Amino acid sequence: MHVEGKIMEAESFLSKIEENYNVLPDVTFYFDAFLASACSILDYLSEDYSNEFKFKISFNSKSFKRDFNNEMKKSKDRKIQEFYKWITDCREQIEQTDTIGSLLTQKRHRITHRHHEPPTMRIRLRYKTSDNSQAKIKEFFIPWFEHQRTISDNRKLKEISKNVIEIKTILAIDDHDSIDMEEACTEFLNKIKKIVNNTLKKFPLTSKA
């Protein structure tokens, strides 16, 4: 199945995010690649069902998703109509209703069609007060859109590196909330894989090609 290969690809990029979690700018490249793969999984699943339903959609189609939906709408086959409702509801849930799903889907769209949106690095470190009393926790942020300058002039990070408690790569959800990038990607991929598994159980493919 086409979808299996795309899932493996997304898993591979997710592992690269985990390996390069705090490596600038590498993790941003793997993040972009992960979004491209993960957000295409349901399209590849649709390709498998297009073959199953024997739709004749050209490989030169400028919008497979549009043509696939049009074919399903025209069909009088009950199974195809049920599948159409199912996959439409699944897409709407993950791309619009789900907080993490809608966040990453929108980021992928903007990265692909508008401009790059690097995440932010949040650093928590332990420091002593002027009277050398008990150490306190300080938190600050480094915007990754300045990652090239940060790499070449990294003195600030070097100075505090021994006191670092935690480094988090975060994605802003809104003006007040954020989420760890690796956690968001893992959760998103797991939800996509669950949709794929549930779809294959509900609508078994007769062909594994």
N, C-alpha and C. Protein backbone atom coordinates (compact mmCIF):
# COMPACT_ATOMS: atom_id res chain seq x y z
N MET A 1 0.84 -1.20 0.00
CA MET A 1 0.00 0.00 0.00
C MET A 1 0.87 1.25 0.00
N HIS A 2 0.43 2.26 -0.73
CA HIS A 2 1.17 3.52 -0.78
C HIS A 2 1.27 4.16 0.60
N VAL A 3 0.21 4.06 1.39
CA VAL A 3 0.16 4.75 2.67
C VAL A 3 1.21 4.22 3.64
N GLU A 4 1.55 2.94 3.55
CA GLU A 4 2.54 2.37 4.46
C GLU A 4 3.90 3.04 4.29
N GLY A 5 4.29 3.26 3.04
CA GLY A 5 5.56 3.92 2.77
C GLY A 5 5.61 5.34 3.29
N LYS A 6 4.49 6.05 3.17
CA LYS A 6 4.44 7.44 3.64
C LYS A 6 4.50 7.49 5.16
N ILE A 7 3.86 6.54 5.83
CA ILE A 7 3.94 6.48 7.30
C ILE A 7 5.38 6.22 7.74
N MET A 8 6.05 5.30 7.07
CA MET A 8 7.45 5.01 7.39
C MET A 8 8.33 6.25 7.20
N GLU A 9 8.05 7.00 6.16
CA GLU A 9 8.81 8.22 5.90
C GLU A 9 8.61 9.23 7.03
N ALA A 10 7.35 9.43 7.45
CA ALA A 10 7.06 10.36 8.53
C ALA A 10 7.72 9.90 9.83
N GLU A 11 7.69 8.60 10.09
CA GLU A 11 8.34 8.07 11.29
C GLU A 11 9.84 8.31 11.26
N SER A 12 10.42 8.20 10.08
CA SER A 12 11.86 8.43 9.93
C SER A 12 12.22 9.88 10.25
N PHE A 13 11.43 10.82 9.75
CA PHE A 13 11.70 12.23 10.04
C PHE A 13 11.43 12.56 11.51
N LEU A 14 10.45 11.88 12.12
CA LEU A 14 10.19 12.08 13.54
C LEU A 14 11.39 11.63 14.37
N SER A 15 11.99 10.50 13.99
CA SER A 15 13.17 10.02 14.70
C SER A 15 14.34 11.01 14.55
N LYS A 16 14.42 11.66 13.39
CA LYS A 16 15.46 12.67 13.17
C LYS A 16 15.22 13.89 14.06
N ILE A 17 13.95 14.24 14.27
CA ILE A 17 13.63 15.34 15.18
C ILE A 17 14.09 14.99 16.59
N GLU A 18 13.84 13.74 17.01
CA GLU A 18 14.24 13.29 18.34
C GLU A 18 15.77 13.31 18.49
N GLU A 19 16.48 12.87 17.45
CA GLU A 19 17.94 12.82 17.49
C GLU A 19 18.57 14.21 17.48
N ASN A 20 17.92 15.16 16.81
CA ASN A 20 18.48 16.51 16.64
C ASN A 20 17.66 17.56 17.36
N TYR A 21 17.06 17.17 18.47
CA TYR A 21 16.07 18.01 19.15
C TYR A 21 16.56 19.43 19.42
N ASN A 22 17.81 19.56 19.84
CA ASN A 22 18.34 20.90 20.16
C ASN A 22 19.49 21.30 19.25
N VAL A 23 19.53 20.73 18.07
CA VAL A 23 20.59 21.04 17.12
C VAL A 23 20.08 22.07 16.11
N LEU A 24 20.70 23.22 16.11
CA LEU A 24 20.31 24.28 15.19
C LEU A 24 21.20 24.26 13.95
N PRO A 25 20.67 24.42 12.75
CA PRO A 25 19.24 24.56 12.43
C PRO A 25 18.62 23.22 12.00
N ASP A 26 19.37 22.12 12.19
CA ASP A 26 18.98 20.83 11.63
C ASP A 26 17.54 20.42 11.96
N VAL A 27 17.16 20.60 13.25
CA VAL A 27 15.84 20.13 13.66
C VAL A 27 14.73 20.86 12.91
N THR A 28 14.96 22.12 12.52
CA THR A 28 13.93 22.85 11.79
C THR A 28 13.72 22.25 10.40
N PHE A 29 14.81 21.76 9.78
CA PHE A 29 14.68 21.12 8.47
C PHE A 29 13.91 19.80 8.58
N TYR A 30 14.23 19.03 9.63
CA TYR A 30 13.52 17.76 9.83
C TYR A 30 12.05 18.00 10.20
N PHE A 31 11.80 19.08 10.92
CA PHE A 31 10.42 19.44 11.26
C PHE A 31 9.62 19.73 10.00
N ASP A 32 10.18 20.52 9.10
CA ASP A 32 9.50 20.82 7.84
C ASP A 32 9.25 19.55 7.03
N ALA A 33 10.26 18.68 6.98
CA ALA A 33 10.14 17.42 6.23
C ALA A 33 9.09 16.51 6.86
N PHE A 34 9.05 16.50 8.20
CA PHE A 34 8.04 15.70 8.89
C PHE A 34 6.63 16.18 8.56
N LEU A 35 6.43 17.50 8.59
CA LEU A 35 5.11 18.04 8.28
C LEU A 35 4.67 17.66 6.86
N ALA A 36 5.60 17.75 5.92
CA ALA A 36 5.27 17.40 4.53
C ALA A 36 4.84 15.95 4.43
N SER A 37 5.52 15.06 5.15
CA SER A 37 5.20 13.63 5.10
C SER A 37 3.90 13.32 5.85
N ALA A 38 3.83 13.76 7.11
CA ALA A 38 2.68 13.41 7.95
C ALA A 38 1.38 13.96 7.39
N CYS A 39 1.42 15.18 6.86
CA CYS A 39 0.20 15.79 6.33
C CYS A 39 -0.21 15.20 4.99
N SER A 40 0.64 14.37 4.40
CA SER A 40 0.32 13.71 3.13
C SER A 40 -0.19 12.29 3.31
N ILE A 41 -0.16 11.78 4.53
CA ILE A 41 -0.53 10.38 4.77
C ILE A 41 -1.96 10.09 4.32
N LEU A 42 -2.90 10.96 4.66
CA LEU A 42 -4.28 10.70 4.26
C LEU A 42 -4.47 10.82 2.76
N ASP A 43 -3.63 11.61 2.08
CA ASP A 43 -3.67 11.68 0.63
C ASP A 43 -3.21 10.35 0.03
N TYR A 44 -2.18 9.78 0.61
CA TYR A 44 -1.68 8.48 0.13
C TYR A 44 -2.69 7.38 0.43
N LEU A 45 -3.38 7.49 1.56
CA LEU A 45 -4.45 6.54 1.86
C LEU A 45 -5.55 6.65 0.81
N SER A 46 -5.88 7.86 0.43
CA SER A 46 -6.90 8.08 -0.60
C SER A 46 -6.46 7.49 -1.94
N GLU A 47 -5.17 7.58 -2.24
CA GLU A 47 -4.64 6.97 -3.47
C GLU A 47 -4.88 5.46 -3.47
N ASP A 48 -4.68 4.82 -2.33
CA ASP A 48 -4.94 3.38 -2.23
C ASP A 48 -6.41 3.07 -2.48
N TYR A 49 -7.30 3.91 -1.95
CA TYR A 49 -8.73 3.67 -2.16
C TYR A 49 -9.17 4.09 -3.56
N SER A 50 -8.48 5.02 -4.15
CA SER A 50 -8.76 5.35 -5.55
C SER A 50 -8.52 4.13 -6.44
N ASN A 51 -7.43 3.42 -6.15
CA ASN A 51 -7.16 2.18 -6.89
C ASN A 51 -8.20 1.11 -6.57
N GLU A 52 -8.59 1.05 -5.31
CA GLU A 52 -9.59 0.06 -4.89
C GLU A 52 -10.93 0.31 -5.59
N PHE A 53 -11.31 1.57 -5.70
CA PHE A 53 -12.58 1.92 -6.34
C PHE A 53 -12.47 2.04 -7.85
N LYS A 54 -11.23 1.81 -8.35
CA LYS A 54 -10.97 1.83 -9.80
C LYS A 54 -11.30 3.19 -10.44
N PHE A 55 -10.98 4.24 -9.71
CA PHE A 55 -11.09 5.58 -10.28
C PHE A 55 -9.93 5.79 -11.25
N LYS A 56 -10.19 6.41 -12.33
CA LYS A 56 -9.15 6.66 -13.34
C LYS A 56 -8.68 8.12 -13.24
N ILE A 57 -7.97 8.40 -12.18
CA ILE A 57 -7.47 9.77 -11.97
C ILE A 57 -6.05 9.85 -12.52
N SER A 58 -5.83 10.78 -13.40
CA SER A 58 -4.54 10.92 -14.06
C SER A 58 -3.43 11.30 -13.07
N PHE A 59 -2.23 10.75 -13.29
CA PHE A 59 -1.09 11.12 -12.48
C PHE A 59 -0.70 12.59 -12.71
N ASN A 60 -1.20 13.16 -13.78
CA ASN A 60 -0.93 14.56 -14.08
C ASN A 60 -1.96 15.50 -13.47
N SER A 61 -2.86 14.94 -12.70
CA SER A 61 -3.89 15.76 -12.07
C SER A 61 -3.26 16.85 -11.20
N LYS A 62 -3.75 18.08 -11.32
CA LYS A 62 -3.22 19.19 -10.53
C LYS A 62 -3.75 19.19 -9.10
N SER A 63 -4.83 18.46 -8.87
CA SER A 63 -5.38 18.36 -7.52
C SER A 63 -6.02 16.98 -7.35
N PHE A 64 -5.23 16.02 -6.89
CA PHE A 64 -5.74 14.67 -6.70
C PHE A 64 -6.89 14.66 -5.69
N LYS A 65 -6.73 15.41 -4.59
CA LYS A 65 -7.76 15.41 -3.56
C LYS A 65 -9.11 15.88 -4.13
N ARG A 66 -9.06 16.94 -4.94
CA ARG A 66 -10.30 17.47 -5.54
C ARG A 66 -10.91 16.45 -6.49
N ASP A 67 -10.07 15.86 -7.35
CA ASP A 67 -10.59 14.88 -8.33
C ASP A 67 -11.10 13.63 -7.63
N PHE A 68 -10.41 13.21 -6.57
CA PHE A 68 -10.84 12.04 -5.82
C PHE A 68 -12.21 12.29 -5.17
N ASN A 69 -12.37 13.46 -4.56
CA ASN A 69 -13.66 13.80 -3.96
C ASN A 69 -14.77 13.87 -4.99
N ASN A 70 -14.46 14.42 -6.17
CA ASN A 70 -15.46 14.51 -7.23
C ASN A 70 -15.91 13.12 -7.69
N GLU A 71 -14.97 12.21 -7.81
CA GLU A 71 -15.30 10.84 -8.21
C GLU A 71 -16.20 10.17 -7.18
N MET A 72 -15.91 10.39 -5.91
CA MET A 72 -16.73 9.79 -4.85
C MET A 72 -18.13 10.39 -4.84
N LYS A 73 -18.21 11.70 -5.07
CA LYS A 73 -19.52 12.36 -5.08
C LYS A 73 -20.39 11.83 -6.22
N LYS A 74 -19.78 11.55 -7.36
CA LYS A 74 -20.53 11.08 -8.53
C LYS A 74 -20.98 9.64 -8.40
N SER A 75 -20.25 8.86 -7.60
CA SER A 75 -20.52 7.44 -7.51
C SER A 75 -21.86 7.15 -6.84
N LYS A 76 -22.53 6.11 -7.32
CA LYS A 76 -23.78 5.65 -6.71
C LYS A 76 -23.55 4.46 -5.80
N ASP A 77 -22.30 4.02 -5.74
CA ASP A 77 -21.96 2.86 -4.93
C ASP A 77 -22.08 3.23 -3.44
N ARG A 78 -22.82 2.42 -2.70
CA ARG A 78 -23.07 2.72 -1.28
C ARG A 78 -21.77 2.70 -0.47
N LYS A 79 -20.91 1.74 -0.76
CA LYS A 79 -19.65 1.65 -0.03
C LYS A 79 -18.79 2.89 -0.25
N ILE A 80 -18.77 3.37 -1.47
CA ILE A 80 -17.98 4.56 -1.78
C ILE A 80 -18.58 5.78 -1.10
N GLN A 81 -19.90 5.87 -1.07
CA GLN A 81 -20.55 6.98 -0.39
C GLN A 81 -20.26 6.97 1.11
N GLU A 82 -20.24 5.78 1.70
CA GLU A 82 -19.93 5.66 3.12
C GLU A 82 -18.48 6.05 3.38
N PHE A 83 -17.61 5.62 2.48
CA PHE A 83 -16.20 5.96 2.63
C PHE A 83 -16.00 7.48 2.51
N TYR A 84 -16.70 8.09 1.59
CA TYR A 84 -16.59 9.53 1.38
C TYR A 84 -16.95 10.30 2.65
N LYS A 85 -18.04 9.93 3.28
CA LYS A 85 -18.45 10.59 4.52
C LYS A 85 -17.42 10.35 5.63
N TRP A 86 -16.96 9.10 5.70
CA TRP A 86 -16.01 8.73 6.74
C TRP A 86 -14.70 9.52 6.62
N ILE A 87 -14.11 9.52 5.44
CA ILE A 87 -12.81 10.15 5.27
C ILE A 87 -12.91 11.68 5.36
N THR A 88 -14.06 12.22 4.93
CA THR A 88 -14.29 13.67 5.05
C THR A 88 -14.37 14.07 6.51
N ASP A 89 -15.09 13.28 7.30
CA ASP A 89 -15.21 13.55 8.74
C ASP A 89 -13.85 13.42 9.44
N CYS A 90 -13.08 12.41 9.04
CA CYS A 90 -11.75 12.20 9.64
C CYS A 90 -10.83 13.37 9.34
N ARG A 91 -10.86 13.83 8.10
CA ARG A 91 -10.02 14.98 7.73
C ARG A 91 -10.42 16.23 8.50
N GLU A 92 -11.70 16.46 8.58
CA GLU A 92 -12.18 17.65 9.28
C GLU A 92 -11.79 17.61 10.74
N GLN A 93 -11.87 16.44 11.35
CA GLN A 93 -11.54 16.31 12.76
C GLN A 93 -10.06 16.59 13.02
N ILE A 94 -9.18 15.99 12.22
CA ILE A 94 -7.74 16.12 12.46
C ILE A 94 -7.21 17.47 11.98
N GLU A 95 -7.78 18.02 10.92
CA GLU A 95 -7.24 19.25 10.33
C GLU A 95 -7.89 20.52 10.87
N GLN A 96 -9.09 20.41 11.44
CA GLN A 96 -9.79 21.62 11.87
C GLN A 96 -10.19 21.61 13.35
N THR A 97 -10.64 20.45 13.84
CA THR A 97 -11.16 20.39 15.21
C THR A 97 -10.06 20.13 16.23
N ASP A 98 -9.19 19.19 15.94
CA ASP A 98 -8.12 18.82 16.87
C ASP A 98 -7.10 19.96 17.01
N THR A 99 -6.75 20.30 18.22
CA THR A 99 -5.85 21.44 18.47
C THR A 99 -4.48 21.23 17.83
N ILE A 100 -3.86 20.09 18.10
CA ILE A 100 -2.53 19.81 17.56
C ILE A 100 -2.60 19.61 16.05
N GLY A 101 -3.61 18.88 15.61
CA GLY A 101 -3.76 18.61 14.18
C GLY A 101 -3.93 19.88 13.37
N SER A 102 -4.80 20.77 13.84
CA SER A 102 -5.03 22.02 13.10
C SER A 102 -3.79 22.91 13.14
N LEU A 103 -3.07 22.91 14.27
CA LEU A 103 -1.85 23.71 14.38
C LEU A 103 -0.81 23.27 13.36
N LEU A 104 -0.54 21.97 13.30
CA LEU A 104 0.49 21.47 12.40
C LEU A 104 0.05 21.51 10.94
N THR A 105 -1.24 21.27 10.69
CA THR A 105 -1.75 21.37 9.32
C THR A 105 -1.61 22.79 8.78
N GLN A 106 -1.95 23.77 9.61
CA GLN A 106 -1.83 25.17 9.20
C GLN A 106 -0.38 25.57 9.00
N LYS A 107 0.50 25.09 9.88
CA LYS A 107 1.93 25.39 9.73
C LYS A 107 2.47 24.80 8.44
N ARG A 108 2.05 23.58 8.12
CA ARG A 108 2.51 22.95 6.88
C ARG A 108 2.05 23.75 5.67
N HIS A 109 0.81 24.23 5.71
CA HIS A 109 0.28 25.01 4.59
C HIS A 109 1.06 26.30 4.42
N ARG A 110 1.34 26.99 5.53
CA ARG A 110 2.06 28.25 5.43
C ARG A 110 3.51 28.04 5.01
N ILE A 111 4.15 26.99 5.53
CA ILE A 111 5.54 26.70 5.15
C ILE A 111 5.63 26.37 3.67
N THR A 112 4.64 25.63 3.16
CA THR A 112 4.64 25.20 1.76
C THR A 112 4.32 26.35 0.82
N HIS A 113 3.34 27.16 1.18
CA HIS A 113 2.82 28.15 0.23
C HIS A 113 3.15 29.61 0.56
N ARG A 114 3.61 29.88 1.78
CA ARG A 114 3.84 31.28 2.15
C ARG A 114 5.29 31.52 2.59
N HIS A 115 5.60 31.16 3.82
CA HIS A 115 6.94 31.42 4.32
C HIS A 115 7.27 30.43 5.44
N HIS A 116 8.57 30.33 5.75
CA HIS A 116 9.04 29.41 6.77
C HIS A 116 8.67 29.92 8.15
N GLU A 117 8.28 29.00 9.06
CA GLU A 117 7.90 29.36 10.42
C GLU A 117 8.68 28.52 11.41
N PRO A 118 9.93 28.87 11.68
CA PRO A 118 10.73 28.08 12.62
C PRO A 118 10.15 28.15 14.03
N PRO A 119 10.37 27.10 14.83
CA PRO A 119 9.90 27.10 16.22
C PRO A 119 10.81 27.96 17.09
N THR A 120 10.58 27.94 18.38
CA THR A 120 11.35 28.72 19.34
C THR A 120 12.00 27.77 20.35
N MET A 121 13.19 28.13 20.81
CA MET A 121 13.87 27.33 21.83
C MET A 121 13.64 27.98 23.19
N ARG A 122 13.11 27.20 24.13
CA ARG A 122 12.90 27.70 25.48
C ARG A 122 13.94 27.05 26.39
N ILE A 123 14.68 27.86 27.09
CA ILE A 123 15.74 27.34 27.95
C ILE A 123 15.42 27.67 29.40
N ARG A 124 15.46 26.65 30.25
CA ARG A 124 15.30 26.84 31.68
C ARG A 124 16.65 26.56 32.33
N LEU A 125 17.10 27.45 33.20
CA LEU A 125 18.39 27.24 33.84
C LEU A 125 18.35 27.63 35.31
N ARG A 126 19.30 27.06 36.07
CA ARG A 126 19.40 27.32 37.49
C ARG A 126 20.46 28.41 37.70
N TYR A 127 20.15 29.42 38.49
CA TYR A 127 21.12 30.48 38.74
C TYR A 127 21.06 30.92 40.20
N LYS A 128 22.14 31.51 40.68
CA LYS A 128 22.21 31.96 42.06
C LYS A 128 21.93 33.46 42.15
N THR A 129 21.31 33.85 43.24
CA THR A 129 21.05 35.26 43.47
C THR A 129 22.33 35.94 43.95
N SER A 130 22.31 37.27 44.04
CA SER A 130 23.51 38.02 44.39
C SER A 130 24.05 37.67 45.78
N ASP A 131 23.17 37.25 46.69
CA ASP A 131 23.63 36.91 48.04
C ASP A 131 23.97 35.43 48.17
N ASN A 132 24.05 34.73 46.99
CA ASN A 132 24.43 33.31 46.97
C ASN A 132 23.48 32.42 47.77
N SER A 133 22.24 32.81 47.85
CA SER A 133 21.25 31.98 48.52
C SER A 133 20.84 30.85 47.59
N GLN A 134 19.78 30.20 47.96
CA GLN A 134 19.34 29.03 47.18
C GLN A 134 19.11 29.39 45.70
N ALA A 135 19.54 28.48 44.82
CA ALA A 135 19.43 28.72 43.38
C ALA A 135 17.97 28.86 42.96
N LYS A 136 17.73 29.72 41.99
CA LYS A 136 16.40 29.93 41.45
C LYS A 136 16.37 29.46 40.00
N ILE A 137 15.18 29.39 39.46
CA ILE A 137 14.99 28.95 38.08
C ILE A 137 14.67 30.15 37.20
N LYS A 138 15.37 30.26 36.11
CA LYS A 138 15.11 31.33 35.16
C LYS A 138 14.75 30.72 33.81
N GLU A 139 13.88 31.37 33.09
CA GLU A 139 13.45 30.86 31.80
C GLU A 139 13.54 31.97 30.76
N PHE A 140 14.10 31.64 29.59
CA PHE A 140 14.13 32.62 28.52
C PHE A 140 13.98 31.92 27.18
N PHE A 141 13.72 32.70 26.15
CA PHE A 141 13.41 32.15 24.84
C PHE A 141 14.39 32.68 23.79
N ILE A 142 14.73 31.82 22.84
CA ILE A 142 15.54 32.22 21.70
C ILE A 142 14.74 31.93 20.44
N PRO A 143 14.35 32.95 19.69
CA PRO A 143 13.60 32.71 18.45
C PRO A 143 14.49 32.06 17.40
N TRP A 144 14.00 30.97 16.83
CA TRP A 144 14.82 30.21 15.89
C TRP A 144 14.90 30.85 14.51
N PHE A 145 14.12 31.91 14.28
CA PHE A 145 14.27 32.56 12.98
C PHE A 145 15.62 33.27 12.91
N GLU A 146 16.31 33.39 14.08
CA GLU A 146 17.64 33.97 14.11
C GLU A 146 18.70 32.88 14.27
N HIS A 147 18.35 31.65 13.87
CA HIS A 147 19.24 30.52 14.19
C HIS A 147 20.63 30.65 13.57
N GLN A 148 20.75 31.25 12.38
CA GLN A 148 22.07 31.39 11.78
C GLN A 148 22.97 32.28 12.64
N ARG A 149 22.42 33.40 13.13
CA ARG A 149 23.18 34.28 13.99
C ARG A 149 23.47 33.62 15.33
N THR A 150 22.50 32.84 15.81
CA THR A 150 22.67 32.16 17.08
C THR A 150 23.80 31.14 17.01
N ILE A 151 23.91 30.47 15.86
CA ILE A 151 24.96 29.48 15.69
C ILE A 151 26.33 30.14 15.66
N SER A 152 26.45 31.22 14.90
CA SER A 152 27.75 31.87 14.72
C SER A 152 28.18 32.66 15.95
N ASP A 153 27.23 33.12 16.75
CA ASP A 153 27.55 33.91 17.93
C ASP A 153 26.80 33.34 19.12
N ASN A 154 27.30 32.21 19.61
CA ASN A 154 26.57 31.43 20.59
C ASN A 154 27.14 31.61 22.00
N ARG A 155 27.78 32.76 22.26
CA ARG A 155 28.45 32.95 23.53
C ARG A 155 27.49 32.89 24.72
N LYS A 156 26.30 33.42 24.52
CA LYS A 156 25.34 33.45 25.61
C LYS A 156 24.99 32.05 26.07
N LEU A 157 24.78 31.15 25.08
CA LEU A 157 24.45 29.78 25.43
C LEU A 157 25.63 29.08 26.09
N LYS A 158 26.84 29.35 25.59
CA LYS A 158 28.02 28.71 26.16
C LYS A 158 28.23 29.10 27.61
N GLU A 159 27.93 30.36 27.91
CA GLU A 159 28.12 30.86 29.27
C GLU A 159 27.22 30.18 30.28
N ILE A 160 26.02 29.86 29.87
CA ILE A 160 25.06 29.29 30.83
C ILE A 160 24.87 27.79 30.67
N SER A 161 25.62 27.18 29.75
CA SER A 161 25.39 25.78 29.42
C SER A 161 25.52 24.85 30.61
N LYS A 162 26.42 25.18 31.54
CA LYS A 162 26.63 24.31 32.69
C LYS A 162 25.45 24.34 33.66
N ASN A 163 24.65 25.39 33.57
CA ASN A 163 23.53 25.54 34.50
C ASN A 163 22.18 25.16 33.91
N VAL A 164 22.19 24.71 32.67
CA VAL A 164 20.93 24.41 32.00
C VAL A 164 20.24 23.22 32.65
N ILE A 165 18.97 23.38 32.94
CA ILE A 165 18.14 22.29 33.47
C ILE A 165 17.43 21.59 32.32
N GLU A 166 16.89 22.38 31.43
CA GLU A 166 16.05 21.82 30.37
C GLU A 166 16.05 22.75 29.17
N ILE A 167 16.11 22.15 27.98
CA ILE A 167 15.95 22.91 26.74
C ILE A 167 14.75 22.32 26.00
N LYS A 168 13.81 23.15 25.69
CA LYS A 168 12.60 22.71 24.99
C LYS A 168 12.47 23.44 23.67
N THR A 169 12.10 22.70 22.64
CA THR A 169 11.78 23.31 21.37
C THR A 169 10.27 23.39 21.28
N ILE A 170 9.73 24.60 21.22
CA ILE A 170 8.29 24.76 21.38
C ILE A 170 7.64 25.38 20.14
N LEU A 171 6.35 25.11 20.01
CA LEU A 171 5.53 25.69 18.96
C LEU A 171 4.42 26.49 19.63
N ALA A 172 4.22 27.70 19.18
CA ALA A 172 3.17 28.54 19.75
C ALA A 172 1.81 28.08 19.24
N ILE A 173 0.88 27.85 20.14
CA ILE A 173 -0.49 27.51 19.78
C ILE A 173 -1.29 28.80 19.59
N ASP A 174 -1.10 29.71 20.53
CA ASP A 174 -1.70 31.05 20.42
C ASP A 174 -0.84 31.99 21.25
N ASP A 175 -1.35 33.17 21.57
CA ASP A 175 -0.56 34.15 22.30
C ASP A 175 -0.26 33.73 23.74
N HIS A 176 -0.99 32.73 24.24
CA HIS A 176 -0.87 32.37 25.65
C HIS A 176 -0.40 30.94 25.88
N ASP A 177 -0.38 30.13 24.87
CA ASP A 177 -0.10 28.71 25.08
C ASP A 177 0.89 28.20 24.04
N SER A 178 1.61 27.17 24.40
CA SER A 178 2.58 26.55 23.49
C SER A 178 2.71 25.07 23.81
N ILE A 179 3.40 24.33 22.94
CA ILE A 179 3.56 22.90 23.14
C ILE A 179 4.94 22.48 22.66
N ASP A 180 5.48 21.48 23.31
CA ASP A 180 6.77 20.93 22.90
C ASP A 180 6.66 20.37 21.48
N MET A 181 7.63 20.72 20.63
CA MET A 181 7.56 20.33 19.22
C MET A 181 7.57 18.82 19.03
N GLU A 182 8.47 18.13 19.72
CA GLU A 182 8.56 16.68 19.57
C GLU A 182 7.27 16.00 20.04
N GLU A 183 6.73 16.45 21.16
CA GLU A 183 5.48 15.89 21.67
C GLU A 183 4.34 16.12 20.69
N ALA A 184 4.29 17.33 20.12
CA ALA A 184 3.22 17.65 19.16
C ALA A 184 3.30 16.76 17.93
N CYS A 185 4.51 16.57 17.40
CA CYS A 185 4.69 15.75 16.20
C CYS A 185 4.33 14.30 16.48
N THR A 186 4.75 13.79 17.64
CA THR A 186 4.45 12.41 18.01
C THR A 186 2.95 12.20 18.15
N GLU A 187 2.29 13.12 18.84
CA GLU A 187 0.83 13.02 19.03
C GLU A 187 0.10 13.10 17.69
N PHE A 188 0.53 14.01 16.84
CA PHE A 188 -0.11 14.19 15.53
C PHE A 188 0.03 12.92 14.69
N LEU A 189 1.23 12.36 14.63
CA LEU A 189 1.45 11.16 13.81
C LEU A 189 0.65 9.99 14.36
N ASN A 190 0.58 9.84 15.67
CA ASN A 190 -0.20 8.76 16.27
C ASN A 190 -1.68 8.87 15.92
N LYS A 191 -2.19 10.08 15.90
CA LYS A 191 -3.60 10.29 15.55
C LYS A 191 -3.86 9.97 14.08
N ILE A 192 -2.91 10.37 13.22
CA ILE A 192 -3.04 10.05 11.80
C ILE A 192 -3.01 8.54 11.58
N LYS A 193 -2.09 7.87 12.25
CA LYS A 193 -1.97 6.41 12.11
C LYS A 193 -3.23 5.71 12.62
N LYS A 194 -3.84 6.26 13.66
CA LYS A 194 -5.08 5.68 14.17
C LYS A 194 -6.20 5.81 13.14
N ILE A 195 -6.26 6.95 12.46
CA ILE A 195 -7.25 7.14 11.40
C ILE A 195 -7.03 6.11 10.29
N VAL A 196 -5.77 5.92 9.90
CA VAL A 196 -5.46 4.95 8.85
C VAL A 196 -5.88 3.55 9.26
N ASN A 197 -5.51 3.14 10.47
CA ASN A 197 -5.84 1.79 10.94
C ASN A 197 -7.35 1.58 11.03
N ASN A 198 -8.07 2.57 11.55
CA ASN A 198 -9.53 2.45 11.66
C ASN A 198 -10.19 2.41 10.28
N THR A 199 -9.63 3.17 9.35
CA THR A 199 -10.18 3.19 7.99
C THR A 199 -9.99 1.84 7.32
N LEU A 200 -8.81 1.26 7.46
CA LEU A 200 -8.53 -0.04 6.83
C LEU A 200 -9.38 -1.15 7.45
N LYS A 201 -9.70 -1.02 8.72
CA LYS A 201 -10.57 -2.02 9.37
C LYS A 201 -12.02 -1.86 8.90
N LYS A 202 -12.44 -0.63 8.78
CA LYS A 202 -13.83 -0.37 8.39
C LYS A 202 -14.06 -0.62 6.91
N PHE A 203 -13.03 -0.33 6.09
CA PHE A 203 -13.14 -0.49 4.64
C PHE A 203 -11.93 -1.30 4.14
N PRO A 204 -11.93 -2.61 4.38
CA PRO A 204 -10.78 -3.45 4.01
C PRO A 204 -10.48 -3.34 2.51
N LEU A 205 -9.19 -3.23 2.19
CA LEU A 205 -8.76 -3.20 0.81
C LEU A 205 -8.63 -4.64 0.28
N THR A 206 -9.14 -4.86 -0.90
CA THR A 206 -9.02 -6.21 -1.50
C THR A 206 -7.67 -6.37 -2.17
N SER A 207 -7.03 -5.24 -2.48
CA SER A 207 -5.72 -5.27 -3.12
C SER A 207 -4.73 -4.58 -2.20
N LYS A 208 -3.56 -5.21 -2.02
CA LYS A 208 -2.53 -4.66 -1.15
C LYS A 208 -1.48 -3.87 -1.94
N ALA A 209 -1.69 -3.74 -3.23
CA ALA A 209 -0.68 -3.05 -4.06
C ALA A 209 -0.63 -1.58 -3.74
